[in-house]
Protein backbone atom coordinates (compact mmCIF):
# COMPACT_ATOMS: atom_id res chain seq x y z
CA MET A 1 -51.48 -35.42 99.38
CA VAL A 2 -48.62 -34.17 101.47
CA THR A 3 -45.89 -32.91 99.14
CA GLN A 4 -43.35 -31.39 101.54
CA TYR A 5 -42.06 -32.71 104.84
CA PRO A 6 -39.87 -30.91 107.37
CA PRO A 7 -36.41 -32.50 107.72
CA VAL A 8 -37.25 -33.85 111.19
CA VAL A 9 -40.28 -35.71 109.78
CA LEU A 10 -38.21 -37.13 106.92
CA ARG A 11 -35.72 -38.36 109.52
CA GLN A 12 -38.52 -40.03 111.49
CA LEU A 13 -39.89 -41.67 108.35
CA ALA A 14 -36.43 -42.98 107.48
CA GLU A 15 -35.15 -43.98 110.91
CA GLU A 16 -37.95 -44.71 113.37
CA PRO A 17 -38.57 -48.45 113.78
CA VAL A 18 -42.24 -48.17 114.79
CA ILE A 19 -45.17 -46.00 113.81
CA TRP A 20 -48.61 -46.18 115.42
CA LEU A 21 -51.46 -46.99 113.02
CA ALA A 22 -54.99 -45.89 113.91
CA THR A 23 -57.93 -47.53 112.15
CA VAL A 24 -61.63 -47.70 113.05
CA ARG A 25 -63.68 -50.86 113.58
CA ALA A 26 -67.07 -51.24 111.92
CA ASP A 27 -68.74 -50.40 115.25
CA GLY A 28 -66.85 -47.08 115.40
CA GLN A 29 -64.28 -48.12 118.02
CA PRO A 30 -60.82 -46.71 117.17
CA GLN A 31 -57.96 -49.20 117.16
CA VAL A 32 -54.36 -48.02 117.53
CA VAL A 33 -51.46 -50.45 117.14
CA PRO A 34 -47.69 -50.15 116.74
CA VAL A 35 -46.45 -51.43 113.37
CA TRP A 36 -43.23 -51.83 111.46
CA PHE A 37 -43.18 -49.72 108.32
CA LEU A 38 -41.13 -48.56 105.37
CA TRP A 39 -41.27 -45.09 103.83
CA ASP A 40 -40.81 -45.29 100.05
CA GLY A 41 -40.74 -41.54 99.50
CA GLN A 42 -44.49 -41.28 98.84
CA HIS A 43 -46.20 -44.03 100.84
CA ILE A 44 -45.93 -45.78 104.16
CA LEU A 45 -45.75 -49.53 103.59
CA ILE A 46 -46.90 -51.91 106.34
CA TYR A 47 -46.85 -55.70 106.17
CA SER A 48 -49.62 -57.37 108.18
CA LEU A 49 -51.18 -60.69 109.03
CA PRO A 50 -54.02 -61.13 106.50
CA ASN A 51 -56.78 -61.63 109.09
CA SER A 52 -55.74 -58.89 111.51
CA GLN A 53 -58.18 -56.36 112.92
CA LYS A 54 -56.40 -53.50 111.12
CA VAL A 55 -56.88 -55.24 107.76
CA ARG A 56 -60.57 -55.83 108.48
CA ASN A 57 -60.91 -52.18 109.52
CA ILE A 58 -59.23 -50.87 106.37
CA ARG A 59 -61.55 -52.99 104.21
CA GLN A 60 -64.49 -51.14 105.83
CA ASN A 61 -62.88 -47.69 106.08
CA PRO A 62 -59.59 -46.81 104.36
CA ARG A 63 -59.10 -43.55 106.32
CA VAL A 64 -56.25 -43.96 108.80
CA SER A 65 -53.91 -41.91 110.96
CA LEU A 66 -50.32 -42.68 111.84
CA HIS A 67 -48.14 -41.13 114.49
CA PHE A 68 -44.73 -41.45 116.08
CA ASN A 69 -43.93 -41.48 119.77
CA SER A 70 -43.37 -37.93 120.99
CA ASP A 71 -40.92 -36.71 123.57
CA PRO A 72 -42.12 -36.92 127.22
CA TRP A 73 -43.69 -33.43 127.10
CA ALA A 74 -45.20 -33.66 123.61
CA ASN A 75 -42.87 -30.97 122.29
CA GLN A 76 -42.39 -32.95 119.09
CA VAL A 77 -45.54 -34.46 117.60
CA THR A 78 -45.95 -35.95 114.14
CA ARG A 79 -49.28 -37.25 112.88
CA LEU A 80 -50.04 -38.26 109.32
CA ASP A 81 -53.62 -38.74 108.15
CA GLY A 82 -54.11 -40.70 104.98
CA MET A 83 -55.83 -43.24 102.83
CA ALA A 84 -54.88 -46.89 103.12
CA GLU A 85 -55.20 -49.55 100.50
CA LEU A 86 -54.68 -53.30 100.60
CA VAL A 87 -52.31 -54.03 97.73
CA ASP A 88 -53.32 -56.83 95.36
CA ASN A 89 -50.56 -59.39 94.73
CA PRO A 90 -47.96 -57.52 96.78
CA PRO A 91 -44.26 -58.35 96.76
CA LEU A 92 -43.22 -60.52 99.70
CA ALA A 93 -41.39 -58.69 102.48
CA THR A 94 -38.28 -60.71 101.58
CA SER A 95 -38.21 -59.12 98.13
CA VAL A 96 -38.22 -55.56 99.52
CA SER A 97 -34.56 -55.21 100.44
CA GLU A 98 -34.98 -51.95 102.38
CA TYR A 99 -37.72 -53.49 104.54
CA LEU A 100 -35.69 -56.62 105.17
CA ALA A 101 -32.58 -54.59 106.05
CA LYS A 102 -34.57 -52.47 108.51
CA TYR A 103 -36.29 -55.39 110.28
CA ARG A 104 -34.03 -58.44 109.88
CA ASP A 105 -32.94 -58.26 113.55
CA GLY A 106 -36.51 -57.69 114.73
CA ILE A 107 -37.73 -60.67 112.72
CA THR A 108 -35.13 -62.84 114.44
CA ARG A 109 -36.08 -61.42 117.87
CA ILE A 110 -39.69 -62.52 117.40
CA GLY A 111 -38.51 -66.05 116.59
CA MET A 112 -39.05 -65.98 112.85
CA THR A 113 -36.90 -66.19 109.74
CA PRO A 114 -37.33 -63.72 106.89
CA ASP A 115 -39.11 -66.42 104.89
CA SER A 116 -41.51 -67.39 107.70
CA PHE A 117 -42.20 -63.70 108.38
CA ALA A 118 -42.95 -63.03 104.70
CA ALA A 119 -45.27 -66.03 104.55
CA ALA A 120 -47.19 -64.98 107.68
CA TYR A 121 -47.21 -61.20 107.13
CA SER A 122 -48.33 -61.43 103.53
CA THR A 123 -50.77 -58.52 103.34
CA LEU A 124 -49.32 -55.18 102.29
CA ILE A 125 -51.02 -52.00 103.48
CA ARG A 126 -49.99 -48.92 101.49
CA VAL A 127 -50.86 -45.58 103.06
CA ARG A 128 -50.86 -42.37 101.03
CA PRO A 129 -50.47 -39.47 103.47
CA THR A 130 -52.97 -36.69 102.78
CA HIS A 131 -52.39 -34.41 105.77
CA LEU A 132 -49.47 -33.73 108.12
CA VAL A 133 -49.70 -32.35 111.65
CA HIS A 134 -46.30 -31.57 113.15
CA TRP A 135 -44.93 -29.40 115.93
């Protein structure tokens, strides 16, 4: 488990709106998708559609990687490797005030309300970072 993060990584975890989640399909094909997320100080929390490819992948293989966009010349790279779990009986996104505050405008931009988003994106993926690569 990663126990210390450089200040720049803590800023990314707190402020970046999107992180890229890499999972692996059952046939070995990597899948990388941008996702909304919330850092709770120990875990990266991601709400997902229940039948999404990433959820199916995590059921087969909980090892994931996450990364942020870098600058144009890759002078600042942050990658987190970790273990993902699908949380049983998770709180709805609407009950996680920090998540709702971070994405309320985005939810509106995709034509949803907080309640319709929480109903659709009802699966919570919790990632425990185990390794940090940063330069």
